[in-house]
PDB file of N, CA and C in Angstrom:
ATOM      1  N   UNK A   1    -168.144 -73.596  24.272  1.00  0.00           N
ATOM      2  CA  UNK A   1    -167.775 -73.246  22.866  1.00  0.00           C
ATOM      3  C   UNK A   1    -166.619 -72.233  22.629  1.00  0.00           C
ATOM      4  N   UNK A   2    -165.705 -72.889  21.681  1.00  0.00           N
ATOM      5  CA  UNK A   2    -164.170 -72.048  21.861  1.00  0.00           C
ATOM      6  C   UNK A   2    -164.504 -71.792  19.923  1.00  0.00           C
ATOM      7  N   UNK A   3    -163.926 -70.383  20.194  1.00  0.00           N
ATOM      8  CA  UNK A   3    -163.919 -69.541  18.653  1.00  0.00           C
ATOM      9  C   UNK A   3    -162.498 -69.814  18.251  1.00  0.00           C
ATOM     10  N   UNK A   4    -162.526 -70.208  16.728  1.00  0.00           N
ATOM     11  CA  UNK A   4    -161.274 -70.256  16.086  1.00  0.00           C
ATOM     12  C   UNK A   4    -160.752 -68.767  15.204  1.00  0.00           C
ATOM     13  N   UNK A   5    -159.815 -68.432  16.042  1.00  0.00           N
ATOM     14  CA  UNK A   5    -159.304 -66.794  15.091  1.00  0.00           C
ATOM     15  C   UNK A   5    -158.155 -67.147  13.987  1.00  0.00           C
ATOM     16  N   UNK A   6    -157.583 -68.418  13.997  1.00  0.00           N
ATOM     17  CA  UNK A   6    -156.829 -68.679  13.256  1.00  0.00           C
ATOM     18  C   UNK A   6    -156.388 -68.086  12.034  1.00  0.00           C
ATOM     19  N   UNK A   7    -157.563 -68.142  11.106  1.00  0.00           N
ATOM     20  CA  UNK A   7    -157.819 -67.727   9.908  1.00  0.00           C
ATOM     21  C   UNK A   7    -157.909 -66.149   9.732  1.00  0.00           C
ATOM     22  N   UNK A   8    -158.337 -65.573  10.808  1.00  0.00           N
ATOM     23  CA  UNK A   8    -157.811 -64.258  10.465  1.00  0.00           C
ATOM     24  C   UNK A   8    -156.841 -63.515  10.274  1.00  0.00           C
ATOM     25  N   UNK A   9    -156.902 -62.601   9.193  1.00  0.00           N
ATOM     26  CA  UNK A   9    -155.763 -61.652   9.029  1.00  0.00           C
ATOM     27  C   UNK A   9    -155.694 -60.510   9.689  1.00  0.00           C
ATOM     28  N   UNK A  10    -154.662 -59.873  10.493  1.00  0.00           N
ATOM     29  CA  UNK A  10    -154.624 -58.828  10.757  1.00  0.00           C
ATOM     30  C   UNK A  10    -154.570 -57.547   9.903  1.00  0.00           C
ATOM     31  N   UNK A  11    -155.479 -56.556  10.436  1.00  0.00           N
ATOM     32  CA  UNK A  11    -155.792 -55.007   9.855  1.00  0.00           C
ATOM     33  C   UNK A  11    -157.051 -55.147   9.191  1.00  0.00           C
ATOM     34  N   UNK A  12    -157.367 -54.204   8.500  1.00  0.00           N
ATOM     35  CA  UNK A  12    -158.695 -53.638   7.503  1.00  0.00           C
ATOM     36  C   UNK A  12    -158.442 -54.441   6.499  1.00  0.00           C
ATOM     37  N   UNK A  13    -159.419 -55.497   6.369  1.00  0.00           N
ATOM     38  CA  UNK A  13    -159.810 -56.185   4.954  1.00  0.00           C
ATOM     39  C   UNK A  13    -160.206 -54.936   3.879  1.00  0.00           C
ATOM     40  N   UNK A  14    -160.044 -55.402   2.610  1.00  0.00           N
ATOM     41  CA  UNK A  14    -160.603 -54.451   1.521  1.00  0.00           C
ATOM     42  C   UNK A  14    -162.357 -54.117   1.578  1.00  0.00           C
ATOM     43  N   UNK A  15    -162.829 -54.614   1.676  1.00  0.00           N
ATOM     44  CA  UNK A  15    -164.189 -54.243   2.045  1.00  0.00           C
ATOM     45  C   UNK A  15    -164.452 -53.718   3.044  1.00  0.00           C
ATOM     46  N   UNK A  16    -163.943 -54.003   4.080  1.00  0.00           N
ATOM     47  CA  UNK A  16    -164.513 -53.279   5.212  1.00  0.00           C
ATOM     48  C   UNK A  16    -163.527 -51.736   4.919  1.00  0.00           C
ATOM     49  N   UNK A  17    -162.388 -51.428   4.407  1.00  0.00           N
ATOM     50  CA  UNK A  17    -161.763 -50.288   3.819  1.00  0.00           C
ATOM     51  C   UNK A  17    -162.528 -49.387   3.038  1.00  0.00           C
ATOM     52  N   UNK A  18    -163.221 -49.831   2.064  1.00  0.00           N
ATOM     53  CA  UNK A  18    -164.209 -49.440   1.176  1.00  0.00           C
ATOM     54  C   UNK A  18    -165.411 -48.847   1.886  1.00  0.00           C
ATOM     55  N   UNK A  19    -165.929 -49.757   2.647  1.00  0.00           N
ATOM     56  CA  UNK A  19    -167.202 -49.413   3.792  1.00  0.00           C
ATOM     57  C   UNK A  19    -166.519 -48.278   4.517  1.00  0.00           C
ATOM     58  N   UNK A  20    -165.697 -47.712   5.280  1.00  0.00           N
ATOM     59  CA  UNK A  20    -164.903 -47.215   6.091  1.00  0.00           C
ATOM     60  C   UNK A  20    -165.204 -45.486   5.243  1.00  0.00           C
ATOM     61  N   UNK A  21    -164.560 -45.894   4.039  1.00  0.00           N
ATOM     62  CA  UNK A  21    -164.247 -44.662   3.109  1.00  0.00           C
ATOM     63  C   UNK A  21    -165.563 -43.818   2.707  1.00  0.00           C
ATOM     64  N   UNK A  22    -166.637 -45.091   2.667  1.00  0.00           N
ATOM     65  CA  UNK A  22    -168.376 -44.497   2.109  1.00  0.00           C
ATOM     66  C   UNK A  22    -168.798 -43.955   3.603  1.00  0.00           C
ATOM     67  N   UNK A  23    -168.122 -44.307   4.502  1.00  0.00           N
ATOM     68  CA  UNK A  23    -169.134 -43.934   5.937  1.00  0.00           C
ATOM     69  C   UNK A  23    -168.592 -42.606   6.109  1.00  0.00           C
ATOM     70  N   UNK A  24    -167.450 -42.255   5.696  1.00  0.00           N
ATOM     71  CA  UNK A  24    -166.853 -41.257   6.197  1.00  0.00           C
ATOM     72  C   UNK A  24    -167.183 -39.978   5.250  1.00  0.00           C
ATOM     73  N   UNK A  25    -167.311 -40.322   3.738  1.00  0.00           N
ATOM     74  CA  UNK A  25    -167.753 -39.372   2.830  1.00  0.00           C
ATOM     75  C   UNK A  25    -169.492 -39.365   3.174  1.00  0.00           C
ATOM     76  N   UNK A  26    -170.149 -40.079   3.534  1.00  0.00           N
ATOM     77  CA  UNK A  26    -171.625 -39.780   3.996  1.00  0.00           C
ATOM     78  C   UNK A  26    -171.634 -39.371   5.009  1.00  0.00           C
ATOM     79  N   UNK A  27    -170.767 -39.337   6.057  1.00  0.00           N
ATOM     80  CA  UNK A  27    -170.923 -38.454   7.063  1.00  0.00           C
ATOM     81  C   UNK A  27    -170.482 -37.047   6.839  1.00  0.00           C
ATOM     82  N   UNK A  28    -169.243 -37.034   6.149  1.00  0.00           N
ATOM     83  CA  UNK A  28    -169.093 -35.615   5.571  1.00  0.00           C
ATOM     84  C   UNK A  28    -170.365 -34.587   4.782  1.00  0.00           C
ATOM     85  N   UNK A  29    -170.786 -35.622   3.606  1.00  0.00           N
ATOM     86  CA  UNK A  29    -171.817 -35.033   3.005  1.00  0.00           C
ATOM     87  C   UNK A  29    -172.888 -34.499   3.810  1.00  0.00           C
ATOM     88  N   UNK A  30    -173.176 -35.735   5.274  1.00  0.00           N
ATOM     89  CA  UNK A  30    -174.213 -35.150   5.904  1.00  0.00           C
ATOM     90  C   UNK A  30    -174.000 -34.159   6.845  1.00  0.00           C
ATOM     91  N   UNK A  31    -172.582 -33.835   7.321  1.00  0.00           N
ATOM     92  CA  UNK A  31    -172.586 -32.065   7.756  1.00  0.00           C
ATOM     93  C   UNK A  31    -172.607 -31.047   6.967  1.00  0.00           C
ATOM     94  N   UNK A  32    -172.238 -30.811   5.768  1.00  0.00           N
ATOM     95  CA  UNK A  32    -172.528 -30.181   4.841  1.00  0.00           C
ATOM     96  C   UNK A  32    -173.767 -29.992   4.691  1.00  0.00           C
ATOM     97  N   UNK A  33    -174.807 -30.673   4.872  1.00  0.00           N
ATOM     98  CA  UNK A  33    -176.071 -30.691   4.704  1.00  0.00           C
ATOM     99  C   UNK A  33    -176.986 -30.313   5.674  1.00  0.00           C
ATOM    100  N   UNK A  34    -176.316 -30.504   6.650  1.00  0.00           N
ATOM    101  CA  UNK A  34    -177.087 -29.853   8.027  1.00  0.00           C
ATOM    102  C   UNK A  34    -176.726 -28.478   8.059  1.00  0.00           C
ATOM    103  N   UNK A  35    -175.425 -28.053   7.843  1.00  0.00           N
ATOM    104  CA  UNK A  35    -174.979 -26.600   8.111  1.00  0.00           C
ATOM    105  C   UNK A  35    -175.477 -25.801   6.903  1.00  0.00           C
ATOM    106  N   UNK A  36    -175.743 -26.273   5.428  1.00  0.00           N
ATOM    107  CA  UNK A  36    -176.737 -25.726   4.541  1.00  0.00           C
ATOM    108  C   UNK A  36    -178.038 -25.523   4.745  1.00  0.00           C
ATOM    109  N   UNK A  37    -178.573 -26.752   5.548  1.00  0.00           N
ATOM    110  CA  UNK A  37    -179.752 -26.457   5.718  1.00  0.00           C
ATOM    111  C   UNK A  37    -179.997 -25.426   7.115  1.00  0.00           C
ATOM    112  N   UNK A  38    -179.489 -25.654   7.983  1.00  0.00           N
ATOM    113  CA  UNK A  38    -179.348 -24.558   9.073  1.00  0.00           C
ATOM    114  C   UNK A  38    -179.424 -22.838   8.311  1.00  0.00           C
ATOM    115  N   UNK A  39    -178.582 -22.858   7.794  1.00  0.00           N
ATOM    116  CA  UNK A  39    -178.440 -21.606   6.599  1.00  0.00           C
ATOM    117  C   UNK A  39    -179.664 -21.397   5.945  1.00  0.00           C
ATOM    118  N   UNK A  40    -180.589 -22.193   5.151  1.00  0.00           N
ATOM    119  CA  UNK A  40    -181.353 -21.955   4.410  1.00  0.00           C
ATOM    120  C   UNK A  40    -182.432 -21.774   5.033  1.00  0.00           C
ATOM    121  N   UNK A  41    -182.677 -21.821   6.962  1.00  0.00           N
ATOM    122  CA  UNK A  41    -183.412 -21.445   7.683  1.00  0.00           C
ATOM    123  C   UNK A  41    -183.795 -20.068   7.633  1.00  0.00           C
ATOM    124  N   UNK A  42    -182.660 -19.213   7.102  1.00  0.00           N
ATOM    125  CA  UNK A  42    -182.918 -17.998   7.105  1.00  0.00           C
ATOM    126  C   UNK A  42    -182.763 -17.277   5.704  1.00  0.00           C
ATOM    127  N   UNK A  43    -182.076 -18.620   4.653  1.00  0.00           N
ATOM    128  CA  UNK A  43    -181.998 -17.974   3.417  1.00  0.00           C
ATOM    129  C   UNK A  43    -182.762 -18.805   2.560  1.00  0.00           C
ATOM    130  N   UNK A  44    -183.288 -18.432   1.327  1.00  0.00           N
ATOM    131  CA  UNK A  44    -183.847 -19.310   0.682  1.00  0.00           C
ATOM    132  C   UNK A  44    -183.367 -20.515   0.386  1.00  0.00           C
ATOM    133  N   UNK A  45    -184.694 -21.105   0.438  1.00  0.00           N
ATOM    134  CA  UNK A  45    -184.245 -22.757  -0.036  1.00  0.00           C
ATOM    135  C   UNK A  45    -185.040 -23.688   1.212  1.00  0.00           C
ATOM    136  N   UNK A  46    -184.871 -24.843   1.118  1.00  0.00           N
ATOM    137  CA  UNK A  46    -185.668 -25.848   1.735  1.00  0.00           C
ATOM    138  C   UNK A  46    -184.845 -26.487   2.914  1.00  0.00           C
ATOM    139  N   UNK A  47    -184.946 -25.395   4.191  1.00  0.00           N
ATOM    140  CA  UNK A  47    -183.798 -25.576   5.518  1.00  0.00           C
ATOM    141  C   UNK A  47    -183.999 -27.074   5.785  1.00  0.00           C
ATOM    142  N   UNK A  48    -185.525 -27.270   6.216  1.00  0.00           N
ATOM    143  CA  UNK A  48    -185.742 -28.532   7.037  1.00  0.00           C
ATOM    144  C   UNK A  48    -185.532 -29.442   6.272  1.00  0.00           C
ATOM    145  N   UNK A  49    -185.999 -29.753   5.316  1.00  0.00           N
ATOM    146  CA  UNK A  49    -185.743 -30.841   4.310  1.00  0.00           C
ATOM    147  C   UNK A  49    -184.245 -31.250   4.037  1.00  0.00           C
ATOM    148  N   UNK A  50    -183.081 -30.210   4.057  1.00  0.00           N
ATOM    149  CA  UNK A  50    -182.276 -30.365   3.985  1.00  0.00           C
ATOM    150  C   UNK A  50    -181.770 -30.924   5.205  1.00  0.00           C
ATOM    151  N   UNK A  51    -181.607 -30.231   6.244  1.00  0.00           N
ATOM    152  CA  UNK A  51    -181.626 -30.692   7.796  1.00  0.00           C
ATOM    153  C   UNK A  51    -181.988 -32.423   7.824  1.00  0.00           C
ATOM    154  N   UNK A  52    -182.846 -32.658   7.137  1.00  0.00           N
ATOM    155  CA  UNK A  52    -183.427 -33.939   7.852  1.00  0.00           C
ATOM    156  C   UNK A  52    -182.410 -34.871   7.203  1.00  0.00           C
ATOM    157  N   UNK A  53    -182.317 -34.774   5.609  1.00  0.00           N
ATOM    158  CA  UNK A  53    -181.571 -35.533   4.538  1.00  0.00           C
ATOM    159  C   UNK A  53    -180.234 -35.493   5.438  1.00  0.00           C
ATOM    160  N   UNK A  54    -179.473 -34.516   5.916  1.00  0.00           N
ATOM    161  CA  UNK A  54    -178.096 -34.499   6.173  1.00  0.00           C
ATOM    162  C   UNK A  54    -178.155 -35.266   7.499  1.00  0.00           C
ATOM    163  N   UNK A  55    -179.032 -35.037   8.728  1.00  0.00           N
ATOM    164  CA  UNK A  55    -179.075 -35.944   9.892  1.00  0.00           C
ATOM    165  C   UNK A  55    -179.330 -37.476   9.375  1.00  0.00           C
ATOM    166  N   UNK A  56    -180.068 -37.733   8.460  1.00  0.00           N
ATOM    167  CA  UNK A  56    -180.420 -39.058   8.054  1.00  0.00           C
ATOM    168  C   UNK A  56    -179.059 -39.787   7.396  1.00  0.00           C
ATOM    169  N   UNK A  57    -178.257 -39.109   6.879  1.00  0.00           N
ATOM    170  CA  UNK A  57    -176.905 -39.188   6.317  1.00  0.00           C
ATOM    171  C   UNK A  57    -175.928 -39.544   7.323  1.00  0.00           C
ATOM    172  N   UNK A  58    -175.940 -38.637   8.595  1.00  0.00           N
ATOM    173  CA  UNK A  58    -175.133 -38.534   9.259  1.00  0.00           C
ATOM    174  C   UNK A  58    -175.027 -39.903  10.240  1.00  0.00           C
ATOM    175  N   UNK A  59    -176.519 -40.386  10.918  1.00  0.00           N
ATOM    176  CA  UNK A  59    -176.830 -41.034  11.646  1.00  0.00           C
ATOM    177  C   UNK A  59    -178.079 -41.545  11.561  1.00  0.00           C
ATOM    178  N   UNK A  60    -178.904 -42.340  10.650  1.00  0.00           N
ATOM    179  CA  UNK A  60    -180.315 -42.464  10.702  1.00  0.00           C
ATOM    180  C   UNK A  60    -180.972 -43.320  11.955  1.00  0.00           C
ATOM    181  N   UNK A  61    -180.680 -43.630  12.977  1.00  0.00           N
ATOM    182  CA  UNK A  61    -181.439 -44.067  13.918  1.00  0.00           C
ATOM    183  C   UNK A  61    -181.382 -43.173  15.217  1.00  0.00           C
ATOM    184  N   UNK A  62    -180.786 -41.888  14.766  1.00  0.00           N
ATOM    185  CA  UNK A  62    -180.643 -40.864  16.108  1.00  0.00           C
ATOM    186  C   UNK A  62    -182.085 -40.412  16.531  1.00  0.00           C
ATOM    187  N   UNK A  63    -181.924 -40.095  17.875  1.00  0.00           N
ATOM    188  CA  UNK A  63    -183.502 -39.691  18.275  1.00  0.00           C
ATOM    189  C   UNK A  63    -184.431 -38.577  17.828  1.00  0.00           C
ATOM    190  N   UNK A  64    -183.083 -37.566  17.556  1.00  0.00           N
ATOM    191  CA  UNK A  64    -183.278 -36.288  17.006  1.00  0.00           C
ATOM    192  C   UNK A  64    -184.029 -36.325  15.491  1.00  0.00           C
ATOM    193  N   UNK A  65    -183.296 -37.394  14.806  1.00  0.00           N
ATOM    194  CA  UNK A  65    -183.950 -37.366  13.582  1.00  0.00           C
ATOM    195  C   UNK A  65    -185.044 -38.384  13.623  1.00  0.00           C
ATOM    196  N   UNK A  66    -185.261 -38.883  14.294  1.00  0.00           N
ATOM    197  CA  UNK A  66    -186.472 -39.907  14.088  1.00  0.00           C
ATOM    198  C   UNK A  66    -187.504 -38.673  14.660  1.00  0.00           C
ATOM    199  N   UNK A  67    -187.338 -37.815  15.529  1.00  0.00           N
ATOM    200  CA  UNK A  67    -188.182 -36.808  16.192  1.00  0.00           C
ATOM    201  C   UNK A  67    -188.797 -35.768  15.117  1.00  0.00           C
ATOM    202  N   UNK A  68    -187.782 -35.497  14.313  1.00  0.00           N
ATOM    203  CA  UNK A  68    -187.824 -34.331  13.122  1.00  0.00           C
ATOM    204  C   UNK A  68    -188.844 -35.122  12.014  1.00  0.00           C
ATOM    205  N   UNK A  69    -188.129 -36.729  11.800  1.00  0.00           N
ATOM    206  CA  UNK A  69    -188.904 -37.233  10.632  1.00  0.00           C
ATOM    207  C   UNK A  69    -190.497 -37.257  10.947  1.00  0.00           C
ATOM    208  N   UNK A  70    -190.741 -37.590  12.448  1.00  0.00           N
ATOM    209  CA  UNK A  70    -192.301 -37.798  12.853  1.00  0.00           C
ATOM    210  C   UNK A  70    -193.256 -36.771  12.587  1.00  0.00           C
ATOM    211  N   UNK A  71    -192.572 -35.583  12.538  1.00  0.00           N
ATOM    212  CA  UNK A  71    -193.297 -34.301  12.499  1.00  0.00           C
ATOM    213  C   UNK A  71    -193.229 -33.797  11.267  1.00  0.00           C
ATOM    214  N   UNK A  72    -192.396 -34.086  10.044  1.00  0.00           N
ATOM    215  CA  UNK A  72    -192.282 -33.651   9.153  1.00  0.00           C
ATOM    216  C   UNK A  72    -193.564 -34.381   7.595  1.00  0.00           C
ATOM    217  N   UNK A  73    -194.375 -34.025   7.524  1.00  0.00           N
ATOM    218  CA  UNK A  73    -195.074 -34.278   6.144  1.00  0.00           C
ATOM    219  C   UNK A  73    -194.509 -34.892   5.191  1.00  0.00           C
ATOM    220  N   UNK A  74    -194.906 -35.943   4.398  1.00  0.00           N
ATOM    221  CA  UNK A  74    -194.082 -36.489   3.174  1.00  0.00           C
ATOM    222  C   UNK A  74    -193.109 -37.194   3.760  1.00  0.00           C
ATOM    223  N   UNK A  75    -192.292 -37.326   4.891  1.00  0.00           N
ATOM    224  CA  UNK A  75    -191.076 -38.033   5.051  1.00  0.00           C
ATOM    225  C   UNK A  75    -191.354 -39.278   5.683  1.00  0.00           C
ATOM    226  N   UNK A  76    -191.757 -40.724   5.969  1.00  0.00           N
ATOM    227  CA  UNK A  76    -191.929 -41.631   6.448  1.00  0.00           C
ATOM    228  C   UNK A  76    -190.985 -41.495   7.627  1.00  0.00           C
ATOM    229  N   UNK A  77    -191.771 -42.062   8.867  1.00  0.00           N
ATOM    230  CA  UNK A  77    -191.065 -42.237   9.917  1.00  0.00           C
ATOM    231  C   UNK A  77    -189.626 -42.785  10.197  1.00  0.00           C
ATOM    232  N   UNK A  78    -190.005 -44.607   9.286  1.00  0.00           N
ATOM    233  CA  UNK A  78    -188.996 -45.467   9.538  1.00  0.00           C
ATOM    234  C   UNK A  78    -188.518 -45.670   7.814  1.00  0.00           C
ATOM    235  N   UNK A  79    -187.396 -46.258   7.904  1.00  0.00           N
ATOM    236  CA  UNK A  79    -186.824 -46.312   6.179  1.00  0.00           C
ATOM    237  C   UNK A  79    -186.240 -45.305   5.806  1.00  0.00           C
ATOM    238  N   UNK A  80    -185.642 -45.558   4.361  1.00  0.00           N
ATOM    239  CA  UNK A  80    -185.050 -44.567   3.795  1.00  0.00           C
ATOM    240  C   UNK A  80    -185.913 -43.241   3.688  1.00  0.00           C
ATOM    241  N   UNK A  81    -185.432 -42.071   3.215  1.00  0.00           N
ATOM    242  CA  UNK A  81    -186.056 -40.876   2.929  1.00  0.00           C
ATOM    243  C   UNK A  81    -186.409 -41.252   1.227  1.00  0.00           C
ATOM    244  N   UNK A  82    -187.624 -40.955   0.985  1.00  0.00           N
ATOM    245  CA  UNK A  82    -187.737 -40.961  -0.732  1.00  0.00           C
ATOM    246  C   UNK A  82    -186.948 -40.705  -1.764  1.00  0.00           C
ATOM    247  N   UNK A  83    -186.207 -40.744  -2.635  1.00  0.00           N
ATOM    248  CA  UNK A  83    -185.398 -40.376  -3.685  1.00  0.00           C
ATOM    249  C   UNK A  83    -186.013 -39.171  -4.246  1.00  0.00           C
ATOM    250  N   UNK A  84    -187.523 -38.928  -4.720  1.00  0.00           N
ATOM    251  CA  UNK A  84    -188.003 -37.988  -5.124  1.00  0.00           C
ATOM    252  C   UNK A  84    -187.756 -36.359  -3.985  1.00  0.00           C
ATOM    253  N   UNK A  85    -187.522 -36.989  -2.853  1.00  0.00           N
ATOM    254  CA  UNK A  85    -187.435 -35.827  -1.930  1.00  0.00           C
ATOM    255  C   UNK A  85    -186.105 -35.457  -1.839  1.00  0.00           C
ATOM    256  N   UNK A  86    -185.004 -36.367  -1.862  1.00  0.00           N
ATOM    257  CA  UNK A  86    -183.777 -35.924  -1.830  1.00  0.00           C
ATOM    258  C   UNK A  86    -183.307 -35.043  -3.284  1.00  0.00           C
ATOM    259  N   UNK A  87    -183.851 -35.809  -4.298  1.00  0.00           N
ATOM    260  CA  UNK A  87    -183.618 -35.050  -5.527  1.00  0.00           C
ATOM    261  C   UNK A  87    -184.111 -33.673  -5.585  1.00  0.00           C
ATOM    262  N   UNK A  88    -185.478 -33.718  -5.116  1.00  0.00           N
ATOM    263  CA  UNK A  88    -186.037 -32.040  -5.202  1.00  0.00           C
ATOM    264  C   UNK A  88    -185.300 -31.330  -3.796  1.00  0.00           C
ATOM    265  N   UNK A  89    -184.930 -31.745  -2.681  1.00  0.00           N
ATOM    266  CA  UNK A  89    -184.162 -30.827  -1.789  1.00  0.00           C
ATOM    267  C   UNK A  89    -183.063 -30.346  -2.553  1.00  0.00           C
ATOM    268  N   UNK A  90    -182.053 -31.115  -3.457  1.00  0.00           N
ATOM    269  CA  UNK A  90    -180.730 -31.044  -4.116  1.00  0.00           C
ATOM    270  C   UNK A  90    -181.223 -30.057  -5.223  1.00  0.00           C
ATOM    271  N   UNK A  91    -182.082 -29.918  -5.854  1.00  0.00           N
ATOM    272  CA  UNK A  91    -182.763 -29.343  -6.981  1.00  0.00           C
ATOM    273  C   UNK A  91    -182.974 -27.715  -6.636  1.00  0.00           C
ATOM    274  N   UNK A  92    -183.677 -27.642  -5.458  1.00  0.00           N
ATOM    275  CA  UNK A  92    -184.248 -26.274  -4.808  1.00  0.00           C
ATOM    276  C   UNK A  92    -183.258 -25.717  -4.069  1.00  0.00           C
ATOM    277  N   UNK A  93    -182.074 -26.584  -3.442  1.00  0.00           N
ATOM    278  CA  UNK A  93    -180.859 -26.147  -3.193  1.00  0.00           C
ATOM    279  C   UNK A  93    -180.397 -25.228  -4.061  1.00  0.00           C
ATOM    280  N   UNK A  94    -180.165 -25.974  -5.247  1.00  0.00           N
ATOM    281  CA  UNK A  94    -179.205 -25.351  -6.322  1.00  0.00           C
ATOM    282  C   UNK A  94    -179.863 -23.917  -6.730  1.00  0.00           C
ATOM    283  N   UNK A  95    -181.154 -24.571  -6.885  1.00  0.00           N
ATOM    284  CA  UNK A  95    -181.923 -23.248  -7.814  1.00  0.00           C
ATOM    285  C   UNK A  95    -182.259 -21.860  -6.964  1.00  0.00           C
ATOM    286  N   UNK A  96    -181.981 -22.187  -5.200  1.00  0.00           N
ATOM    287  CA  UNK A  96    -182.403 -21.253  -4.714  1.00  0.00           C
ATOM    288  C   UNK A  96    -180.944 -20.494  -4.451  1.00  0.00           C
ATOM    289  N   UNK A  97    -179.835 -21.105  -4.484  1.00  0.00           N
ATOM    290  CA  UNK A  97    -178.508 -20.473  -4.500  1.00  0.00           C
ATOM    291  C   UNK A  97    -178.231 -19.537  -5.615  1.00  0.00           C
ATOM    292  N   UNK A  98    -178.755 -19.999  -6.679  1.00  0.00           N
ATOM    293  CA  UNK A  98    -178.525 -19.256  -7.968  1.00  0.00           C
ATOM    294  C   UNK A  98    -179.252 -18.107  -7.975  1.00  0.00           C
ATOM    295  N   UNK A  99    -180.485 -18.025  -7.152  1.00  0.00           N
ATOM    296  CA  UNK A  99    -181.401 -17.049  -7.360  1.00  0.00           C
ATOM    297  C   UNK A  99    -180.749 -16.155  -6.317  1.00  0.00           C
ATOM    298  N   UNK A 100    -180.438 -16.573  -5.183  1.00  0.00           N
ATOM    299  CA  UNK A 100    -179.754 -15.888  -4.261  1.00  0.00           C
ATOM    300  C   UNK A 100    -178.255 -14.610  -4.663  1.00  0.00           C
ATOM    301  N   UNK A 101    -177.548 -15.589  -5.493  1.00  0.00           N
ATOM    302  CA  UNK A 101    -176.506 -15.209  -6.036  1.00  0.00           C
ATOM    303  C   UNK A 101    -176.997 -13.782  -6.904  1.00  0.00           C
ATOM    304  N   UNK A 102    -177.953 -14.019  -7.971  1.00  0.00           N
ATOM    305  CA  UNK A 102    -178.262 -13.135  -8.870  1.00  0.00           C
ATOM    306  C   UNK A 102    -179.284 -11.847  -8.123  1.00  0.00           C
ATOM    307  N   UNK A 103    -180.081 -12.691  -7.580  1.00  0.00           N
ATOM    308  CA  UNK A 103    -181.030 -11.695  -7.087  1.00  0.00           C
ATOM    309  C   UNK A 103    -181.224 -11.235  -5.446  1.00  0.00           C
ATOM    310  N   UNK A 104    -180.039 -11.756  -4.576  1.00  0.00           N
ATOM    311  CA  UNK A 104    -180.091 -11.568  -3.367  1.00  0.00           C
ATOM    312  C   UNK A 104    -180.155 -10.287  -2.753  1.00  0.00           C
ATOM    313  N   UNK A 105    -179.513  -9.170  -3.501  1.00  0.00           N
ATOM    314  CA  UNK A 105    -179.621  -7.882  -2.832  1.00  0.00           C
ATOM    315  C   UNK A 105    -180.882  -7.221  -3.209  1.00  0.00           C
ATOM    316  N   UNK A 106    -181.629  -7.556  -4.233  1.00  0.00           N
ATOM    317  CA  UNK A 106    -182.678  -7.147  -4.846  1.00  0.00           C
ATOM    318  C   UNK A 106    -184.019  -7.596  -3.527  1.00  0.00           C
ATOM    319  N   UNK A 107    -184.146  -8.627  -3.410  1.00  0.00           N
ATOM    320  CA  UNK A 107    -184.832  -9.073  -2.637  1.00  0.00           C
ATOM    321  C   UNK A 107    -184.753  -8.756  -1.018  1.00  0.00           C
ATOM    322  N   UNK A 108    -183.393  -8.440  -0.975  1.00  0.00           N
ATOM    323  CA  UNK A 108    -182.765  -7.816   0.499  1.00  0.00           C
ATOM    324  C   UNK A 108    -183.649  -6.679   0.685  1.00  0.00           C
ATOM    325  N   UNK A 109    -183.381  -5.767  -0.435  1.00  0.00           N
ATOM    326  CA  UNK A 109    -184.044  -4.374  -0.654  1.00  0.00           C
ATOM    327  C   UNK A 109    -185.334  -4.522  -0.400  1.00  0.00           C
ATOM    328  N   UNK A 110    -186.391  -5.504  -1.063  1.00  0.00           N
ATOM    329  CA  UNK A 110    -187.782  -5.343  -1.057  1.00  0.00           C
ATOM    330  C   UNK A 110    -188.058  -5.808   0.433  1.00  0.00           C
ATOM    331  N   UNK A 111    -187.609  -6.831   1.127  1.00  0.00           N
ATOM    332  CA  UNK A 111    -187.834  -6.927   2.379  1.00  0.00           C
ATOM    333  C   UNK A 111    -187.627  -5.944   3.415  1.00  0.00           C
ATOM    334  N   UNK A 112    -186.602  -4.916   3.114  1.00  0.00           N
ATOM    335  CA  UNK A 112    -186.433  -4.069   3.897  1.00  0.00           C
ATOM    336  C   UNK A 112    -187.441  -2.925   3.491  1.00  0.00           C
ATOM    337  N   UNK A 113    -188.097  -2.599   2.330  1.00  0.00           N
ATOM    338  CA  UNK A 113    -188.907  -1.661   2.278  1.00  0.00           C
ATOM    339  C   UNK A 113    -190.227  -2.042   2.965  1.00  0.00           C
ATOM    340  N   UNK A 114    -190.800  -3.459   3.153  1.00  0.00           N
ATOM    341  CA  UNK A 114    -191.932  -4.087   3.535  1.00  0.00           C
ATOM    342  C   UNK A 114    -191.855  -3.525   5.080  1.00  0.00           C
ATOM    343  N   UNK A 115    -190.473  -3.701   5.801  1.00  0.00           N
ATOM    344  CA  UNK A 115    -190.447  -3.582   7.261  1.00  0.00           C
ATOM    345  C   UNK A 115    -190.457  -1.994   7.470  1.00  0.00           C
TER     346      UNK A 115
END
């Protein structure tokens, strides 16, 4: 069986180029979310959910992503993460960031008084 490559054009075709740009933006957003999620493990916010969403954007079939998704309630082990969970994570990220900016020092002082 012989394959004819004579109709192929050299270089990246427009649909492939758009897909590549989307993939790069998706991976970039995933990295930002993972970093923000790690920070939210010690700061106010939904750290684990943000890390899961970020890792899922980077590479959804990763073994670490499957392991975390299997142990997180409300997140299905296979398939896409529900849009409601993503929206909730983004809203909580913004709200907790604003709360940290305005009341962060008060929260820190309160925590120090407890210790």
